[in-house]
N, C-alpha and C. Protein backbone atom coordinates (compact mmCIF):
# COMPACT_ATOMS: atom_id res chain seq x y z
N UNK A 1 -5.17 18.86 9.96
CA UNK A 1 -5.45 17.85 9.11
C UNK A 1 -7.25 17.91 8.89
N UNK A 2 -7.37 18.08 7.67
CA UNK A 2 -9.19 17.54 7.62
C UNK A 2 -8.91 16.26 7.59
N UNK A 3 -10.22 15.79 7.97
CA UNK A 3 -11.30 14.41 7.74
C UNK A 3 -10.42 13.89 7.07
N UNK A 4 -11.24 14.21 5.76
CA UNK A 4 -10.68 13.44 4.24
C UNK A 4 -10.54 14.84 3.41
N UNK A 5 -9.81 14.45 2.41
CA UNK A 5 -8.98 15.60 1.49
C UNK A 5 -10.07 14.98 -0.05
N UNK A 6 -10.79 16.12 -0.58
CA UNK A 6 -10.89 16.00 -2.02
C UNK A 6 -9.73 15.89 -2.89
N UNK A 7 -9.85 15.32 -4.20
CA UNK A 7 -8.96 15.87 -5.03
C UNK A 7 -8.82 17.12 -5.51
N UNK A 8 -7.74 17.95 -5.41
CA UNK A 8 -7.85 18.99 -6.20
C UNK A 8 -7.95 19.48 -7.64
N UNK A 9 -7.09 18.55 -7.89
CA UNK A 9 -7.05 19.06 -9.68
C UNK A 9 -7.21 17.37 -10.44
N UNK A 10 -7.62 17.69 -11.91
CA UNK A 10 -8.27 16.82 -12.76
C UNK A 10 -7.03 15.36 -12.57
N UNK A 11 -5.66 15.77 -12.63
CA UNK A 11 -4.79 14.20 -12.51
C UNK A 11 -4.81 13.61 -11.07
N UNK A 12 -4.92 14.46 -10.06
CA UNK A 12 -5.62 14.04 -8.67
C UNK A 12 -6.58 13.06 -8.47
N UNK A 13 -7.69 13.82 -9.25
CA UNK A 13 -8.86 13.22 -8.94
C UNK A 13 -9.01 12.05 -9.99
N UNK A 14 -8.42 12.12 -11.08
CA UNK A 14 -8.31 10.57 -11.89
C UNK A 14 -7.53 9.49 -10.85
N UNK A 15 -6.30 9.86 -10.37
CA UNK A 15 -5.72 9.03 -9.54
C UNK A 15 -6.55 8.34 -8.32
N UNK A 16 -7.27 9.19 -7.74
CA UNK A 16 -8.05 8.94 -6.59
C UNK A 16 -8.89 7.82 -7.17
N UNK A 17 -9.62 8.05 -8.07
CA UNK A 17 -10.78 7.31 -8.56
C UNK A 17 -10.19 6.04 -9.45
N UNK A 18 -9.22 5.99 -9.65
CA UNK A 18 -8.32 4.92 -10.37
C UNK A 18 -7.95 3.88 -9.26
N UNK A 19 -7.57 4.64 -7.61
CA UNK A 19 -7.21 3.51 -6.77
C UNK A 19 -8.53 3.23 -6.08
N UNK A 20 -9.78 3.96 -6.19
CA UNK A 20 -11.07 3.68 -5.58
C UNK A 20 -11.77 1.99 -6.22
N UNK A 21 -11.28 2.58 -7.82
CA UNK A 21 -11.71 1.19 -8.52
C UNK A 21 -10.54 -0.26 -8.13
N UNK A 22 -9.26 0.15 -8.38
CA UNK A 22 -8.54 -0.75 -7.93
C UNK A 22 -8.93 -1.70 -6.75
N UNK A 23 -8.95 -0.54 -5.78
CA UNK A 23 -9.39 -1.28 -4.38
C UNK A 23 -11.09 -2.19 -4.33
N UNK A 24 -11.81 -1.61 -5.06
CA UNK A 24 -13.00 -2.34 -5.19
C UNK A 24 -12.68 -3.44 -5.90
N UNK A 25 -12.37 -3.70 -6.97
CA UNK A 25 -12.05 -4.89 -7.68
C UNK A 25 -10.83 -5.96 -6.71
N UNK A 26 -9.95 -5.12 -5.97
CA UNK A 26 -8.87 -6.27 -5.31
C UNK A 26 -9.22 -6.53 -4.15
N UNK A 27 -9.81 -5.52 -3.37
CA UNK A 27 -9.84 -5.65 -1.92
C UNK A 27 -11.38 -6.13 -1.29
N UNK A 28 -12.12 -5.60 -1.82
CA UNK A 28 -13.28 -5.58 -1.24
C UNK A 28 -13.97 -7.00 -1.61
N UNK A 29 -14.34 -7.59 -0.38
CA UNK A 29 -15.19 -9.10 -0.12
C UNK A 29 -16.45 -8.83 0.57
N UNK A 30 -17.50 -9.28 -0.52
CA UNK A 30 -18.85 -9.24 -0.26
C UNK A 30 -19.47 -10.77 -0.15
N UNK A 31 -20.73 -10.93 0.50
CA UNK A 31 -21.37 -12.23 0.06
C UNK A 31 -21.26 -12.85 1.36
N UNK A 32 -20.35 -12.94 2.18
CA UNK A 32 -19.93 -13.81 3.22
C UNK A 32 -19.81 -13.01 4.56
N UNK A 33 -20.30 -13.61 5.54
CA UNK A 33 -19.69 -12.85 6.83
C UNK A 33 -18.25 -13.18 7.42
N UNK A 34 -17.44 -12.14 7.53
CA UNK A 34 -15.99 -12.30 8.02
C UNK A 34 -15.98 -11.47 9.35
N UNK A 35 -14.70 -11.79 10.09
CA UNK A 35 -14.76 -11.49 11.33
C UNK A 35 -13.71 -10.19 10.95
N UNK A 36 -13.77 -9.17 11.53
CA UNK A 36 -12.84 -8.21 11.46
C UNK A 36 -11.81 -8.37 12.64
N UNK A 37 -10.91 -7.28 12.41
CA UNK A 37 -9.80 -7.40 13.28
C UNK A 37 -10.35 -6.94 14.90
N UNK A 38 -11.47 -6.08 14.95
CA UNK A 38 -12.01 -5.79 16.04
C UNK A 38 -12.73 -6.75 16.84
N UNK A 39 -12.99 -7.65 16.17
CA UNK A 39 -13.94 -8.97 16.70
C UNK A 39 -15.28 -8.54 16.26
N UNK A 40 -15.55 -7.90 15.18
CA UNK A 40 -17.17 -7.78 14.70
C UNK A 40 -16.77 -8.38 13.73
N UNK A 41 -18.24 -8.66 13.23
CA UNK A 41 -18.35 -9.27 11.82
C UNK A 41 -19.22 -8.42 11.15
N UNK A 42 -19.21 -8.66 9.62
CA UNK A 42 -19.60 -8.22 8.25
C UNK A 42 -19.59 -8.73 7.10
N UNK A 43 -20.81 -8.53 6.23
CA UNK A 43 -20.35 -9.25 5.33
C UNK A 43 -19.80 -8.07 3.70
N UNK A 44 -19.04 -6.84 4.35
CA UNK A 44 -18.47 -6.07 3.72
C UNK A 44 -16.90 -6.03 4.46
N UNK A 45 -16.12 -6.73 3.65
CA UNK A 45 -14.77 -6.87 4.38
C UNK A 45 -13.63 -6.14 3.28
N UNK A 46 -12.95 -5.62 4.03
CA UNK A 46 -11.49 -4.97 2.87
C UNK A 46 -10.35 -5.59 3.32
N UNK A 47 -9.70 -6.35 2.49
CA UNK A 47 -8.74 -7.18 2.62
C UNK A 47 -7.61 -6.26 1.54
N UNK A 48 -7.01 -5.25 2.18
CA UNK A 48 -5.97 -4.39 1.50
C UNK A 48 -4.76 -5.14 1.34
N UNK A 49 -4.27 -6.22 2.10
CA UNK A 49 -3.08 -6.63 1.94
C UNK A 49 -2.54 -6.94 0.66
N UNK A 50 -3.24 -7.53 0.06
CA UNK A 50 -3.36 -8.16 -1.22
C UNK A 50 -2.48 -6.77 -2.39
N UNK A 51 -3.97 -5.88 -2.46
CA UNK A 51 -3.36 -5.09 -3.34
C UNK A 51 -2.06 -3.68 -2.95
N UNK A 52 -1.47 -3.96 -1.43
CA UNK A 52 -0.58 -3.28 -1.12
C UNK A 52 1.04 -3.75 -1.74
N UNK A 53 0.68 -5.23 -2.29
CA UNK A 53 1.87 -5.74 -3.06
C UNK A 53 1.53 -5.71 -4.28
N UNK A 54 0.87 -4.87 -5.05
CA UNK A 54 0.74 -4.74 -6.46
C UNK A 54 1.33 -3.34 -6.85
N UNK A 55 2.42 -3.30 -7.66
CA UNK A 55 3.23 -2.12 -7.76
C UNK A 55 2.01 -0.87 -8.18
N UNK A 56 1.41 -1.10 -8.90
CA UNK A 56 0.39 0.50 -9.30
C UNK A 56 -0.22 0.76 -7.93
N UNK A 57 -1.26 -0.46 -7.35
CA UNK A 57 -1.69 0.35 -6.37
C UNK A 57 -1.35 0.41 -4.72
N UNK A 58 0.04 -0.10 -4.99
CA UNK A 58 0.94 0.39 -3.72
C UNK A 58 1.49 1.97 -3.79
N UNK A 59 1.82 2.24 -5.38
CA UNK A 59 2.26 3.42 -5.53
C UNK A 59 1.52 4.71 -5.66
N UNK A 60 -0.19 4.18 -5.81
CA UNK A 60 -1.14 5.03 -5.80
C UNK A 60 -1.57 5.42 -4.51
N UNK A 61 -1.60 4.16 -3.81
CA UNK A 61 -1.84 4.37 -1.82
C UNK A 61 -0.64 5.55 -1.59
N UNK A 62 0.31 5.29 -1.99
CA UNK A 62 1.30 6.05 -1.38
C UNK A 62 1.21 7.75 -1.93
N UNK A 63 0.92 7.77 -2.71
CA UNK A 63 0.85 9.02 -3.24
C UNK A 63 -0.16 9.72 -3.21
N UNK A 64 -1.41 9.06 -2.68
CA UNK A 64 -2.76 9.73 -2.33
C UNK A 64 -2.30 10.23 -0.29
N UNK A 65 -1.77 9.20 0.31
CA UNK A 65 -1.12 9.36 1.58
C UNK A 65 -0.05 10.66 1.55
N UNK A 66 0.75 10.84 0.30
CA UNK A 66 1.76 11.75 0.58
C UNK A 66 0.67 13.04 0.54
N UNK A 67 -0.10 13.14 -0.45
CA UNK A 67 -0.86 14.37 -0.96
C UNK A 67 -1.39 14.68 0.30
N UNK A 68 -1.89 13.96 1.16
CA UNK A 68 -2.34 14.45 2.44
C UNK A 68 -1.37 14.88 3.68
N UNK A 69 -0.36 14.13 3.48
CA UNK A 69 0.92 14.64 4.08
C UNK A 69 1.76 16.14 3.80
N UNK A 70 1.48 16.68 2.43
CA UNK A 70 1.82 17.84 2.12
C UNK A 70 1.70 19.13 3.17
N UNK A 71 2.57 19.77 3.27
CA UNK A 71 2.60 20.89 4.33
C UNK A 71 2.09 20.62 5.48
N UNK A 72 2.44 19.11 5.90
CA UNK A 72 2.59 18.82 7.45
C UNK A 72 3.73 18.93 8.33
N UNK A 73 3.71 19.06 9.17
CA UNK A 73 4.83 19.39 9.91
C UNK A 73 4.96 17.83 11.00
N UNK A 74 5.82 16.94 10.32
CA UNK A 74 6.23 15.74 11.26
C UNK A 74 7.62 15.27 10.89
N UNK A 75 7.94 14.15 11.74
CA UNK A 75 9.46 13.95 11.66
C UNK A 75 9.19 12.41 11.05
N UNK A 76 8.54 11.52 11.22
CA UNK A 76 8.39 10.05 10.27
C UNK A 76 6.99 9.35 10.64
N UNK A 77 6.96 8.47 9.85
CA UNK A 77 5.52 7.82 9.68
C UNK A 77 5.55 6.46 10.12
N UNK A 78 4.36 5.90 10.70
CA UNK A 78 4.65 4.68 11.13
C UNK A 78 3.55 4.22 11.16
N UNK A 79 3.35 2.61 12.04
CA UNK A 79 1.90 2.21 11.99
C UNK A 79 2.13 0.44 12.80
N UNK A 80 0.91 -0.21 13.21
CA UNK A 80 1.19 -1.48 13.69
C UNK A 80 1.36 -2.31 12.89
N UNK A 81 2.03 -3.30 13.46
CA UNK A 81 2.33 -4.30 12.26
C UNK A 81 0.89 -5.16 12.29
N UNK A 82 0.65 -5.93 11.28
CA UNK A 82 1.03 -5.88 9.96
C UNK A 82 0.53 -4.91 8.82
N UNK A 83 -0.27 -4.37 9.20
CA UNK A 83 -1.08 -3.75 8.36
C UNK A 83 -0.63 -2.47 7.73
N UNK A 84 0.11 -2.12 8.63
CA UNK A 84 0.86 -0.59 8.04
C UNK A 84 1.93 -0.77 7.61
N UNK A 85 2.81 -1.83 7.69
CA UNK A 85 4.37 -2.13 7.09
C UNK A 85 4.29 -1.58 5.68
N UNK A 86 3.35 -2.58 4.66
CA UNK A 86 3.71 -2.32 3.67
C UNK A 86 3.28 -0.88 2.84
N UNK A 87 2.68 -0.24 3.49
CA UNK A 87 2.11 1.17 3.55
C UNK A 87 3.25 2.34 3.94
N UNK A 88 3.81 1.77 5.18
CA UNK A 88 5.07 2.65 5.71
C UNK A 88 6.16 2.25 4.48
N UNK A 89 6.09 1.24 4.03
CA UNK A 89 7.53 0.91 3.42
C UNK A 89 7.27 1.88 1.90
N UNK A 90 5.90 2.03 1.27
CA UNK A 90 5.80 2.29 0.06
C UNK A 90 5.77 3.78 -0.05
N UNK A 91 5.24 4.92 1.39
CA UNK A 91 5.32 6.28 1.46
C UNK A 91 6.73 6.34 1.66
N UNK A 92 7.80 5.71 2.20
CA UNK A 92 8.65 6.17 2.77
C UNK A 92 9.72 6.08 1.25
N UNK A 93 9.32 4.90 -0.01
CA UNK A 93 10.04 4.82 -1.07
C UNK A 93 9.56 5.95 -1.69
N UNK A 94 8.17 6.08 -2.05
CA UNK A 94 7.52 7.26 -3.05
C UNK A 94 8.21 8.77 -2.54
N UNK A 95 8.41 8.73 -1.33
CA UNK A 95 8.67 10.28 -0.79
C UNK A 95 10.22 10.84 -1.20
N UNK A 96 11.01 9.77 -1.72
CA UNK A 96 12.46 10.08 -2.01
C UNK A 96 12.35 10.66 -3.85
N UNK A 97 12.87 11.55 -4.27
CA UNK A 97 13.77 12.19 -3.24
C UNK A 97 13.12 13.75 -2.90
N UNK A 98 11.99 14.01 -3.23
CA UNK A 98 11.23 15.29 -2.98
C UNK A 98 11.58 15.48 -1.38
N UNK A 99 10.84 14.71 -0.64
CA UNK A 99 10.69 15.21 0.86
C UNK A 99 10.86 13.81 1.21
N UNK A 100 12.37 13.65 1.26
CA UNK A 100 12.27 12.20 2.01
C UNK A 100 11.79 11.97 3.65
N UNK A 101 10.85 10.95 3.65
CA UNK A 101 10.13 10.45 4.98
C UNK A 101 10.59 9.08 5.27
N UNK A 102 10.78 8.91 6.36
CA UNK A 102 11.42 7.49 7.40
C UNK A 102 10.37 6.96 8.00
N UNK A 103 10.30 5.76 8.06
CA UNK A 103 9.55 5.16 8.62
C UNK A 103 9.76 4.22 9.63
N UNK A 104 8.74 3.53 10.58
CA UNK A 104 8.84 2.64 11.60
C UNK A 104 7.50 1.79 11.33
N UNK A 105 7.76 0.62 12.16
CA UNK A 105 6.78 0.01 12.62
C UNK A 105 6.47 -0.43 13.93
N UNK A 106 5.62 -0.91 14.66
CA UNK A 106 5.30 -0.91 15.87
C UNK A 106 5.01 -2.36 16.07
N UNK A 107 5.45 -3.40 16.76
CA UNK A 107 5.37 -4.70 16.72
C UNK A 107 4.57 -5.07 17.72
N UNK A 108 3.48 -6.37 17.58
CA UNK A 108 2.26 -6.40 18.69
C UNK A 108 2.85 -7.31 19.69
N UNK A 109 4.12 -7.82 19.38
CA UNK A 109 5.03 -8.44 20.77
C UNK A 109 6.39 -8.07 20.93
N UNK A 110 7.15 -7.86 21.76
CA UNK A 110 8.74 -7.68 22.06
C UNK A 110 8.99 -9.32 21.66
N UNK A 111 9.95 -9.21 20.64
CA UNK A 111 10.51 -10.35 20.37
C UNK A 111 11.44 -10.83 21.34
N UNK A 112 11.64 -12.00 21.87
CA UNK A 112 12.67 -12.88 23.07
C UNK A 112 14.22 -12.91 22.42
N UNK A 113 14.59 -12.39 21.01
CA UNK A 113 15.89 -12.29 20.68
C UNK A 113 16.19 -10.92 19.85
N UNK A 114 17.46 -10.74 19.57
CA UNK A 114 18.16 -9.56 19.02
C UNK A 114 17.82 -8.16 19.84
N UNK A 115 17.22 -7.25 19.03
CA UNK A 115 17.11 -6.03 19.82
C UNK A 115 15.98 -5.74 20.86
N UNK A 116 15.21 -6.85 20.85
CA UNK A 116 14.14 -6.56 21.54
C UNK A 116 13.07 -5.46 22.06
N UNK A 117 13.22 -4.81 20.46
CA UNK A 117 12.39 -3.44 20.47
C UNK A 117 11.00 -3.50 20.28
N UNK A 118 10.42 -3.07 20.87
CA UNK A 118 8.84 -3.00 20.22
C UNK A 118 8.59 -1.95 18.87
N UNK A 119 9.14 -1.05 18.46
CA UNK A 119 9.21 -0.44 17.64
C UNK A 119 10.71 -0.58 16.84
N UNK A 120 10.26 -0.75 15.70
CA UNK A 120 11.14 -1.11 14.71
C UNK A 120 11.56 -0.16 13.56
N UNK A 121 12.97 0.53 13.18
CA UNK A 121 12.49 1.30 11.81
C UNK A 121 13.26 2.74 12.47
N UNK A 122 13.25 4.16 12.05
CA UNK A 122 13.34 5.23 12.06
C UNK A 122 12.29 5.90 13.12
N UNK A 123 12.49 5.82 14.37
CA UNK A 123 11.72 6.69 15.36
C UNK A 123 12.84 7.07 16.50
N UNK A 124 12.72 8.14 17.06
CA UNK A 124 13.67 8.64 17.85
C UNK A 124 12.59 9.17 18.91
N UNK A 125 13.19 9.19 20.35
CA UNK A 125 12.00 10.02 21.18
C UNK A 125 11.86 11.41 20.97
N UNK A 126 10.58 11.84 21.17
CA UNK A 126 10.60 13.40 20.77
C UNK A 126 9.80 13.74 19.12
N UNK A 127 10.26 12.85 18.35
CA UNK A 127 9.60 12.61 17.16
C UNK A 127 8.20 12.81 17.20
N UNK A 128 7.67 13.72 15.94
CA UNK A 128 6.31 13.89 15.79
C UNK A 128 6.02 12.92 15.09
N UNK A 129 5.15 12.13 15.07
CA UNK A 129 4.76 11.02 13.99
C UNK A 129 3.41 11.38 13.72
N UNK A 130 3.27 10.78 12.02
CA UNK A 130 1.43 10.37 11.60
C UNK A 130 1.46 9.05 11.19
N UNK A 131 0.77 8.30 12.47
CA UNK A 131 0.37 6.97 12.09
C UNK A 131 -0.45 6.38 10.96
N UNK A 132 0.13 5.39 9.92
CA UNK A 132 -0.81 5.02 8.89
C UNK A 132 -1.57 3.72 9.08
N UNK A 133 -2.81 3.39 8.68
CA UNK A 133 -3.47 2.06 8.63
C UNK A 133 -4.03 2.02 7.34
N UNK A 134 -4.21 0.57 7.17
CA UNK A 134 -4.62 -0.09 6.28
C UNK A 134 -6.40 0.18 6.34
N UNK A 135 -7.04 -0.18 7.29
CA UNK A 135 -8.40 -0.40 7.08
C UNK A 135 -8.75 0.15 8.88
N UNK A 136 -9.47 1.05 9.25
CA UNK A 136 -10.18 1.30 10.68
C UNK A 136 -11.11 0.82 10.90
N UNK A 137 -11.57 0.32 11.79
CA UNK A 137 -12.92 -0.11 12.03
C UNK A 137 -13.22 1.13 13.65
N UNK A 138 -12.75 0.44 14.37
CA UNK A 138 -12.70 1.01 16.26
C UNK A 138 -11.64 1.80 16.03
N UNK A 139 -10.15 1.66 15.59
CA UNK A 139 -9.34 2.36 15.66
C UNK A 139 -8.19 1.85 16.86
N UNK A 140 -8.35 0.58 17.18
CA UNK A 140 -8.02 -0.04 18.22
C UNK A 140 -6.44 -0.52 17.65
N UNK A 141 -6.17 -0.62 16.55
CA UNK A 141 -4.80 -0.99 16.20
C UNK A 141 -4.24 0.24 16.12
N UNK A 142 -4.66 1.61 15.66
CA UNK A 142 -4.05 2.74 15.53
C UNK A 142 -3.53 3.36 17.40
N UNK A 143 -4.71 2.81 17.71
CA UNK A 143 -4.52 3.68 19.31
C UNK A 143 -3.14 2.79 20.03
N UNK A 144 -2.92 1.24 19.56
CA UNK A 144 -2.28 0.78 20.20
C UNK A 144 -0.68 1.13 20.14
N UNK A 145 -0.60 1.37 18.50
CA UNK A 145 1.04 2.20 18.13
C UNK A 145 0.97 3.25 18.44
N UNK A 146 -0.23 4.40 18.66
CA UNK A 146 -0.02 5.27 19.51
C UNK A 146 0.65 5.12 20.91
N UNK A 147 0.09 4.45 21.69
CA UNK A 147 0.33 4.35 22.74
C UNK A 147 1.93 3.73 22.98
N UNK A 148 2.43 2.94 22.03
CA UNK A 148 3.76 2.84 22.10
C UNK A 148 4.74 3.71 21.64
N UNK A 149 4.15 4.58 20.74
CA UNK A 149 4.98 5.77 20.34
C UNK A 149 4.85 6.92 21.57
N UNK A 150 3.67 6.68 21.98
CA UNK A 150 3.83 7.91 23.19
C UNK A 150 4.87 7.37 24.35
N UNK A 151 4.69 6.12 24.76
CA UNK A 151 5.10 5.42 25.93
C UNK A 151 6.85 5.54 25.60
N UNK A 152 7.45 5.59 24.51
CA UNK A 152 8.90 5.76 23.89
C UNK A 152 9.21 7.07 23.78
N UNK A 153 8.24 8.16 23.97
CA UNK A 153 8.47 9.40 23.92
C UNK A 153 8.12 10.61 22.85
N UNK A 154 7.43 9.47 21.71
CA UNK A 154 6.93 10.53 20.81
C UNK A 154 5.74 11.16 20.70
N UNK A 155 5.27 12.01 19.69
CA UNK A 155 4.22 12.61 19.94
C UNK A 155 3.61 12.09 18.52
N UNK A 156 2.16 11.91 18.98
CA UNK A 156 1.27 10.98 17.96
C UNK A 156 -0.40 11.84 17.57
N UNK A 157 -0.87 12.92 17.10
CA UNK A 157 -1.99 13.79 16.70
C UNK A 157 -2.47 13.40 15.58
N UNK A 158 -2.03 12.27 14.79
CA UNK A 158 -3.01 12.46 13.42
C UNK A 158 -2.49 11.14 12.91
N UNK A 159 -3.81 10.69 12.32
CA UNK A 159 -3.36 8.98 11.53
C UNK A 159 -4.11 9.54 10.32
N UNK A 160 -3.53 8.41 9.36
CA UNK A 160 -4.33 8.48 8.01
C UNK A 160 -4.74 6.96 7.51
N UNK A 161 -5.88 6.88 7.04
CA UNK A 161 -6.15 5.19 7.10
C UNK A 161 -6.58 5.23 5.30
N UNK A 162 -6.29 3.92 4.59
CA UNK A 162 -6.80 3.79 3.25
C UNK A 162 -8.18 3.98 3.46
N UNK A 163 -8.89 3.36 4.39
CA UNK A 163 -10.48 2.80 4.41
C UNK A 163 -10.68 3.09 5.69
N UNK A 164 -11.90 3.91 6.17
CA UNK A 164 -12.27 4.27 7.33
C UNK A 164 -13.76 3.42 7.10
N UNK A 165 -13.85 2.08 7.95
CA UNK A 165 -15.19 1.77 7.95
C UNK A 165 -16.64 2.47 8.37
N UNK A 166 -16.11 3.27 9.10
CA UNK A 166 -17.27 4.50 9.64
C UNK A 166 -17.80 3.63 10.73
N UNK A 167 -17.27 2.82 11.82
CA UNK A 167 -18.05 2.02 12.83
C UNK A 167 -16.97 2.58 14.27
N UNK A 168 -16.77 3.68 13.97
CA UNK A 168 -16.31 4.56 15.30
C UNK A 168 -14.93 4.82 15.48
N UNK A 169 -14.30 4.60 14.51
CA UNK A 169 -12.70 4.54 14.47
C UNK A 169 -12.30 6.34 15.18
N UNK A 170 -12.87 7.18 14.14
CA UNK A 170 -12.74 8.53 14.34
C UNK A 170 -13.02 9.13 15.52
N UNK A 171 -14.39 8.96 16.07
CA UNK A 171 -14.07 9.00 17.69
C UNK A 171 -13.47 8.64 18.56
N UNK A 172 -13.17 7.38 18.52
CA UNK A 172 -12.31 6.72 19.50
C UNK A 172 -10.83 6.98 19.59
N UNK A 173 -10.75 7.55 18.06
CA UNK A 173 -9.06 7.94 18.19
C UNK A 173 -9.41 9.81 18.48
N UNK A 174 -10.30 10.50 18.03
CA UNK A 174 -10.14 11.61 18.38
C UNK A 174 -10.31 11.82 20.20
N UNK A 175 -11.26 10.82 20.70
CA UNK A 175 -10.88 11.07 22.49
C UNK A 175 -9.38 10.91 23.06
N UNK A 176 -8.57 9.97 22.50
CA UNK A 176 -6.99 10.28 22.48
C UNK A 176 -6.19 11.12 21.83
N UNK A 177 -6.88 12.22 21.35
CA UNK A 177 -6.26 13.34 20.55
C UNK A 177 -5.72 12.71 19.46
N UNK A 178 -5.96 12.10 18.72
CA UNK A 178 -5.67 11.80 17.22
C UNK A 178 -6.84 12.11 16.21
N UNK A 179 -6.40 13.07 15.46
CA UNK A 179 -7.45 12.99 14.20
C UNK A 179 -6.77 12.30 12.89
N UNK A 180 -7.90 11.35 12.70
CA UNK A 180 -7.84 10.79 11.70
C UNK A 180 -8.26 11.01 10.10
N UNK A 181 -7.75 10.94 9.46
CA UNK A 181 -8.08 11.28 8.00
C UNK A 181 -8.17 10.00 6.97
N UNK A 182 -8.80 10.12 6.13
CA UNK A 182 -9.37 8.48 5.32
C UNK A 182 -9.21 8.97 3.72
N UNK A 183 -8.45 8.22 3.03
CA UNK A 183 -8.39 8.27 1.31
C UNK A 183 -9.87 7.95 1.05
N UNK A 184 -10.84 6.76 1.58
CA UNK A 184 -11.92 6.34 1.34
C UNK A 184 -12.77 6.27 2.57
N UNK A 185 -13.74 5.86 2.60
CA UNK A 185 -14.37 5.23 3.86
C UNK A 185 -15.53 3.89 3.10
N UNK A 186 -16.29 3.49 3.97
CA UNK A 186 -16.80 2.37 3.39
C UNK A 186 -17.99 2.83 2.40
N UNK A 187 -18.78 3.84 2.57
CA UNK A 187 -19.37 4.45 1.66
C UNK A 187 -18.99 4.63 0.09
N UNK A 188 -17.63 4.69 0.02
CA UNK A 188 -17.37 4.99 -1.32
C UNK A 188 -17.33 3.67 -2.12
N UNK A 189 -17.62 2.62 -1.36
CA UNK A 189 -17.41 1.56 -2.29
C UNK A 189 -19.18 0.71 -1.97
N UNK A 190 -19.87 1.60 -1.87
CA UNK A 190 -21.30 0.96 -1.52
C UNK A 190 -21.90 0.43 -2.84
N UNK A 191 -21.50 0.86 -4.36
CA UNK A 191 -21.66 0.58 -5.25
C UNK A 191 -21.45 -0.63 -5.99
N UNK A 192 -20.18 -0.80 -5.77
CA UNK A 192 -19.36 -1.72 -5.86
C UNK A 192 -19.81 -2.97 -4.85
N UNK A 193 -20.41 -2.91 -3.99
CA UNK A 193 -20.91 -3.96 -2.79
C UNK A 193 -22.50 -4.32 -3.39
N UNK A 194 -22.94 -3.60 -4.11
CA UNK A 194 -23.97 -3.94 -4.16
C UNK A 194 -24.64 -3.52 -3.36
N UNK A 195 -24.57 -2.53 -2.37
CA UNK A 195 -25.65 -1.97 -1.16
C UNK A 195 -26.63 -0.66 -2.11
């Protein structure tokens, strides 16, 4: 899987640019220092949670991810709660009926009631998994999800993120045998951020 994919036709290019503009308008926060999930701070913050609950944006994200998954061999998609949950759900929904894809999510902590599963959804030992993520900085959340999948007998060697902040995730994941592809990088939003 290539690190990034460039749109292959005019319709795909228009979809990609429309998604970039929506994310710049709805997810990009600038002008104040914010703490990232990695613990680092930045004045360039991406809050992709809100646009993931917008029907157009969620559909565009899912379609872009499905484009990256086309031709790949895997059994299911998944990711770490909370960021990956709406992405996985959107990808699964948009995959039907062409190539139905099932998904799952990895809990941050085991529940003390119910099934007490760390992994919830459609996952079985031996599954070949592609992990999905909203924003990557160091790749720590993706690595936590990969560790849980591998501990449960799954195989992970690929991940796709909506936005790679270009702060080490690709190298950190590669060191653990995971190739990271990104729909966008931080640099794709430099103009919108006023950089």
